[in-house]
Protein backbone atom coordinates (compact mmCIF):
# COMPACT_ATOMS: atom_id res chain seq x y z
CA MET A 1 -27.30 88.80 -26.16
CA THR A 2 -24.82 85.95 -26.10
CA ILE A 3 -21.63 86.34 -24.09
CA ASP A 4 -19.14 83.50 -24.04
CA LEU A 5 -17.70 82.67 -20.63
CA ARG A 6 -14.35 82.37 -22.34
CA GLN A 7 -14.67 86.00 -23.43
CA LEU A 8 -15.28 87.04 -19.82
CA ARG A 9 -12.19 85.17 -18.64
CA TYR A 10 -10.09 86.67 -21.42
CA PHE A 11 -11.30 90.18 -20.63
CA VAL A 12 -10.73 89.81 -16.85
CA THR A 13 -7.17 88.55 -17.41
CA LEU A 14 -6.46 91.46 -19.78
CA ALA A 15 -8.01 93.95 -17.36
CA ASP A 16 -5.89 92.53 -14.54
CA THR A 17 -2.63 92.86 -16.51
CA LEU A 18 -3.44 95.78 -18.89
CA HIS A 19 -1.03 94.13 -21.32
CA PHE A 20 -2.03 91.96 -24.30
CA GLY A 21 1.25 90.07 -24.30
CA ARG A 22 1.23 89.17 -20.60
CA ALA A 23 -2.50 88.33 -20.70
CA ALA A 24 -2.01 86.07 -23.73
CA THR A 25 0.84 84.27 -21.95
CA LEU A 26 -1.29 83.71 -18.84
CA LEU A 27 -4.13 82.39 -21.01
CA HIS A 28 -1.80 80.17 -23.06
CA ILE A 29 -2.93 81.70 -26.35
CA SER A 30 -1.44 84.12 -28.85
CA GLN A 31 -2.30 87.84 -28.91
CA PRO A 32 -4.48 87.92 -32.08
CA PRO A 33 -7.25 85.58 -30.78
CA LEU A 34 -7.21 87.44 -27.46
CA SER A 35 -7.68 90.75 -29.25
CA ARG A 36 -10.47 89.31 -31.41
CA GLN A 37 -12.37 87.86 -28.45
CA VAL A 38 -12.23 91.10 -26.45
CA ALA A 39 -13.31 93.10 -29.48
CA SER A 40 -16.19 90.64 -30.02
CA LEU A 41 -17.22 91.11 -26.40
CA GLU A 42 -17.28 94.89 -26.79
CA GLU A 43 -19.35 94.56 -29.94
CA GLU A 44 -21.79 92.20 -28.24
CA ILE A 45 -22.53 94.56 -25.35
CA GLY A 46 -22.17 97.72 -27.42
CA VAL A 47 -19.67 99.38 -25.07
CA SER A 48 -15.97 100.25 -25.35
CA LEU A 49 -14.24 98.58 -22.47
CA LEU A 50 -10.64 99.50 -23.34
CA LYS A 51 -8.62 102.46 -24.50
CA ARG A 52 -5.98 101.09 -26.81
CA SER A 53 -2.78 102.71 -28.01
CA THR A 54 0.50 101.41 -29.35
CA ARG A 55 2.02 101.65 -25.89
CA LEU A 56 -0.81 101.37 -23.35
CA VAL A 57 -4.02 99.51 -22.59
CA GLU A 58 -6.40 101.25 -20.22
CA LEU A 59 -9.89 100.49 -18.97
CA THR A 60 -12.68 102.91 -19.72
CA ALA A 61 -15.07 103.85 -16.93
CA ALA A 62 -17.48 101.27 -18.32
CA GLY A 63 -14.59 98.79 -18.56
CA ARG A 64 -13.74 99.22 -14.87
CA HIS A 65 -17.35 98.57 -13.91
CA PHE A 66 -17.62 95.56 -16.22
CA HIS A 67 -14.34 94.20 -14.85
CA GLU A 68 -15.78 94.17 -11.29
CA GLN A 69 -19.02 92.52 -12.42
CA ALA A 70 -17.25 89.94 -14.57
CA GLN A 71 -14.98 88.99 -11.65
CA ARG A 72 -18.08 88.37 -9.49
CA ILE A 73 -19.71 86.28 -12.21
CA ILE A 74 -16.63 84.12 -12.71
CA ALA A 75 -16.05 83.71 -8.97
CA GLY A 76 -19.72 82.80 -8.47
CA LEU A 77 -19.62 80.25 -11.25
CA ASP A 78 -16.39 78.73 -9.93
CA THR A 79 -17.97 78.47 -6.48
CA ALA A 80 -21.10 76.89 -7.94
CA VAL A 81 -19.03 74.30 -9.81
CA ARG A 82 -16.93 73.43 -6.75
CA SER A 83 -19.93 73.15 -4.45
CA THR A 84 -21.84 71.04 -6.98
CA GLN A 85 -18.88 68.70 -7.30
CA ALA A 86 -18.62 68.54 -3.49
CA ILE A 87 -22.30 67.60 -3.25
CA GLU A 88 -21.82 64.84 -5.82
CA ARG A 89 -18.90 63.53 -3.74
CA GLY A 90 -21.01 63.67 -0.57
CA GLU A 91 -18.72 66.26 1.03
CA LEU A 92 -21.41 68.96 1.11
CA GLY A 93 -25.15 68.71 1.60
CA VAL A 94 -27.69 67.69 4.22
CA LEU A 95 -27.85 64.35 6.05
CA ARG A 96 -30.98 63.76 8.14
CA VAL A 97 -30.43 61.26 10.93
CA GLY A 98 -33.24 59.73 12.97
CA PHE A 99 -32.24 58.03 16.22
CA THR A 100 -33.81 56.36 19.21
CA MET A 101 -33.03 57.63 22.69
CA ALA A 102 -30.79 54.67 23.53
CA ALA A 103 -28.50 55.64 20.64
CA ALA A 104 -28.08 59.12 22.15
CA TRP A 105 -26.40 57.52 25.18
CA SER A 106 -24.20 55.14 23.22
CA VAL A 107 -23.37 55.02 19.52
CA LEU A 108 -24.81 58.30 18.22
CA PRO A 109 -22.28 60.82 19.63
CA PRO A 110 -19.06 59.05 18.52
CA LEU A 111 -20.48 58.07 15.14
CA ILE A 112 -21.72 61.58 14.35
CA LYS A 113 -18.39 63.01 15.52
CA ARG A 114 -16.48 60.65 13.22
CA TYR A 115 -18.66 61.67 10.26
CA SER A 116 -18.57 65.41 11.06
CA ASP A 117 -14.80 65.37 11.49
CA ALA A 118 -14.41 63.69 8.10
CA PHE A 119 -16.96 65.89 6.31
CA PRO A 120 -17.16 69.21 8.19
CA LEU A 121 -19.13 70.95 5.42
CA ALA A 122 -22.03 68.51 5.60
CA ASP A 123 -25.10 69.69 7.53
CA VAL A 124 -26.24 66.96 9.94
CA GLN A 125 -29.85 67.28 11.09
CA LEU A 126 -30.76 65.05 14.05
CA SER A 127 -34.25 64.03 15.10
CA GLU A 128 -35.20 61.70 17.95
CA VAL A 129 -37.90 59.18 17.05
CA LEU A 130 -39.55 56.14 18.56
CA PRO A 131 -38.33 52.82 17.12
CA LYS A 132 -41.78 52.03 15.72
CA GLU A 133 -41.77 55.33 13.78
CA LEU A 134 -38.35 54.95 12.22
CA ASN A 135 -39.32 52.60 9.39
CA ASP A 136 -41.95 55.02 8.12
CA ALA A 137 -39.55 57.96 8.39
CA LEU A 138 -36.96 56.09 6.33
CA MET A 139 -39.42 54.82 3.73
CA SER A 140 -40.98 58.27 3.27
CA GLY A 141 -37.58 59.96 2.97
CA ASN A 142 -38.11 62.17 6.02
CA VAL A 143 -34.78 60.86 7.32
CA ASP A 144 -31.84 59.47 5.34
CA VAL A 145 -30.51 57.09 7.95
CA GLY A 146 -31.64 55.72 11.30
CA ILE A 147 -29.65 54.58 14.32
CA ALA A 148 -31.54 52.09 16.43
CA PHE A 149 -31.99 48.50 17.58
CA PRO A 150 -32.50 45.88 14.87
CA TRP A 151 -36.08 44.78 14.32
CA GLN A 152 -38.33 43.53 11.56
CA ARG A 153 -37.86 45.77 8.54
CA PRO A 154 -39.35 45.93 5.06
CA PRO A 155 -37.09 44.44 2.35
CA ALA A 156 -36.40 47.95 1.04
CA LEU A 157 -34.47 48.85 4.21
CA GLU A 158 -30.85 47.85 4.80
CA TYR A 159 -29.18 47.32 8.18
CA LEU A 160 -25.58 47.41 9.39
CA ALA A 161 -24.61 46.56 12.98
CA VAL A 162 -22.20 49.12 14.45
CA HIS A 163 -22.41 48.77 18.25
CA THR A 164 -22.94 46.13 20.93
CA GLU A 165 -23.11 46.42 24.70
CA PRO A 166 -24.44 44.25 27.56
CA LEU A 167 -27.67 44.69 29.42
CA CYS A 168 -27.29 45.88 32.99
CA ALA A 169 -29.68 46.02 35.91
CA VAL A 170 -31.01 49.28 37.32
CA VAL A 171 -32.52 49.16 40.82
CA PRO A 172 -33.55 51.78 43.39
CA SER A 173 -30.71 53.00 45.61
CA ASP A 174 -32.37 51.51 48.73
CA HIS A 175 -32.96 48.14 47.06
CA ARG A 176 -31.50 44.98 48.64
CA LEU A 177 -29.33 44.45 45.51
CA ALA A 178 -28.17 48.04 45.16
CA GLN A 179 -24.73 47.37 46.68
CA SER A 180 -24.08 44.09 44.88
CA GLU A 181 -21.03 44.09 42.64
CA GLU A 182 -22.91 41.95 40.14
CA ILE A 183 -26.53 40.85 39.94
CA ALA A 184 -27.79 37.51 38.69
CA VAL A 185 -30.90 37.88 36.53
CA SER A 186 -32.65 35.21 38.60
CA GLU A 187 -32.37 37.53 41.64
CA LEU A 188 -34.90 39.82 39.94
CA ALA A 189 -37.54 37.12 39.51
CA ALA A 190 -39.86 38.43 42.23
CA GLU A 191 -39.39 42.12 41.35
CA PRO A 192 -41.85 44.35 39.51
CA PHE A 193 -40.36 45.31 36.14
CA ILE A 194 -40.52 48.60 34.30
CA THR A 195 -39.89 48.14 30.60
CA PHE A 196 -40.82 49.05 27.02
CA PRO A 197 -44.02 48.09 25.24
CA ALA A 198 -43.42 45.45 22.60
CA THR A 199 -45.09 47.76 20.09
CA THR A 200 -42.60 50.58 20.75
CA ALA A 201 -39.25 48.79 20.85
CA PRO A 202 -39.90 45.16 19.88
CA ALA A 203 -36.24 44.16 19.64
CA LEU A 204 -35.31 45.44 23.08
CA HIS A 205 -38.57 44.22 24.64
CA GLU A 206 -37.91 40.70 23.37
CA LEU A 207 -34.30 40.89 24.54
CA VAL A 208 -35.28 41.78 28.11
CA VAL A 209 -38.14 39.28 28.30
CA GLY A 210 -36.00 36.57 26.68
CA CYS A 211 -33.19 37.20 29.17
CA CYS A 212 -35.61 36.67 32.06
CA ARG A 213 -37.03 33.52 30.52
CA GLU A 214 -33.53 32.11 30.07
CA HIS A 215 -33.14 32.41 33.84
CA GLY A 216 -36.37 30.62 34.63
CA PHE A 217 -39.02 33.27 35.11
CA GLU A 218 -41.51 35.46 33.30
CA PRO A 219 -40.93 39.12 34.21
CA ARG A 220 -43.75 40.64 36.23
CA ILE A 221 -44.21 43.85 34.24
CA ARG A 222 -45.63 46.60 36.40
CA LEU A 223 -45.23 49.60 34.09
CA GLU A 224 -44.43 50.14 30.43
CA THR A 225 -43.16 53.39 28.98
CA HIS A 226 -41.70 54.48 25.66
CA LEU A 227 -38.43 56.09 26.77
CA GLN A 228 -35.52 54.51 28.60
CA GLN A 229 -34.83 57.73 30.50
CA THR A 230 -38.37 57.53 31.87
CA ILE A 231 -37.76 53.91 32.88
CA VAL A 232 -34.70 54.92 34.89
CA ASN A 233 -36.61 57.82 36.48
CA LEU A 234 -39.39 55.47 37.59
CA VAL A 235 -36.85 53.02 39.00
CA ALA A 236 -35.24 55.88 40.94
CA GLU A 237 -38.64 56.58 42.49
CA GLY A 238 -38.80 53.00 43.79
CA LEU A 239 -41.51 51.74 41.43
CA GLY A 240 -39.62 48.72 40.17
CA VAL A 241 -36.42 47.42 38.52
CA SER A 242 -35.34 47.07 34.93
CA LEU A 243 -32.76 45.71 32.51
CA VAL A 244 -31.40 48.42 30.24
CA PRO A 245 -28.41 48.88 27.92
CA GLN A 246 -25.26 49.52 29.94
CA SER A 247 -24.73 52.94 28.33
CA MET A 248 -27.80 54.21 30.22
CA SER A 249 -25.64 54.17 33.37
CA LYS A 250 -24.15 57.44 32.10
CA MET A 251 -27.30 59.11 33.45
CA ARG A 252 -25.98 58.84 37.04
CA LEU A 253 -29.47 59.63 38.31
CA THR A 254 -29.90 60.11 42.07
CA GLY A 255 -31.99 57.25 43.44
CA ALA A 256 -31.00 54.73 40.75
CA GLU A 257 -28.12 52.25 40.90
CA PHE A 258 -26.79 50.49 37.81
CA ARG A 259 -25.17 47.10 38.29
CA PRO A 260 -23.56 44.58 35.91
CA VAL A 261 -25.53 41.43 35.22
CA SER A 262 -23.88 38.01 35.16
CA GLY A 263 -24.23 36.33 31.79
CA ALA A 264 -25.98 39.38 30.39
CA ARG A 265 -27.38 39.36 26.90
CA MET A 266 -25.80 41.76 24.43
CA VAL A 267 -27.73 44.68 22.98
CA GLU A 268 -27.04 45.49 19.33
CA GLN A 269 -27.58 48.79 17.55
CA GLY A 270 -26.98 49.66 13.94
CA VAL A 271 -27.66 52.03 11.10
CA ILE A 272 -30.71 51.56 8.90
CA TRP A 273 -31.33 53.14 5.52
CA ALA A 274 -33.48 52.83 2.41
CA ALA A 275 -31.63 51.02 -0.38
CA ASP A 276 -32.91 53.47 -3.00
CA ASN A 277 -31.81 56.62 -1.14
CA ASP A 278 -29.38 58.38 -3.50
CA ASN A 279 -28.22 61.15 -1.14
CA PRO A 280 -24.41 61.25 -1.66
CA CYS A 281 -23.99 62.22 2.01
CA LEU A 282 -25.57 58.90 2.97
CA ALA A 283 -22.89 56.96 1.12
CA ARG A 284 -20.18 58.87 2.98
CA PHE A 285 -21.95 58.32 6.32
CA LEU A 286 -22.23 54.58 5.65
CA GLY A 287 -18.50 54.50 4.96
CA CYS A 288 -17.89 56.03 8.39
CA ALA A 289 -20.37 53.59 9.95
CA ARG A 290 -18.65 50.59 8.39
CA ALA A 291 -15.30 51.76 9.74
CA PHE A 292 -16.90 52.37 13.14
CA GLY A 293 -18.59 48.97 13.13
CA GLY A 294 -15.31 47.36 12.16
CA LEU A 295 -14.06 48.24 15.64
CA LEU A 296 -16.60 45.86 17.22
């Protein structure tokens, strides 16, 4: 059985108006081809859909049923076409975003809000990952885009800076420097440091260590842990001090004091993606990221 979609549209319009003349006008055709197409449809399915007379057009019982089903088919097809076009434009679909914990305290919320406000039909799936795991997640396609610190990446991955902020010091509340308005990095020279392993967050590890070296000392690293929130927790317990991105001060954790650092190095974060990722949602997200980064 072969039913032309055009025949369905012609029949639905005729069934809606029950008048060949009005239906033909709405369809921008003359009455004879409309009559022929409806008759061909009836012949194809082997059912009389209309009762015709010189004065009236009525639907048969089968015609009323077919009218309802044809309306559903046409509406479903129209919806499928619109949604497919929206996916091609990147307005509908799934965007998988991998992020490091530092991004959750800084760039992630405003960037995701900007994207979601612009494309409310897109489904954003967030997953927190360690920096060292993000490359593999991007290369394997498990995530479409990452938000993290810059670090050594394979040539297949692209990077766009979107956020910068200074390092700040975090010290225990009973520390001698806890009430200082600003801390010089050199004042931390004798302190035990809590920081990240170089294997977990190489960019941030090098930034912190490099900042200390610039001020004449090698940091005495007492503890290393993978998450910045854990670092701050350990500082609050009096186990050491640290240099962390300023946005971590939003934690407002009892026992920990965050203080500006004179001449602090800047921490950069950006979006990372595989150059061959053809997800249309990614292109839209990168457009939002470029606009966001343009505010730097």
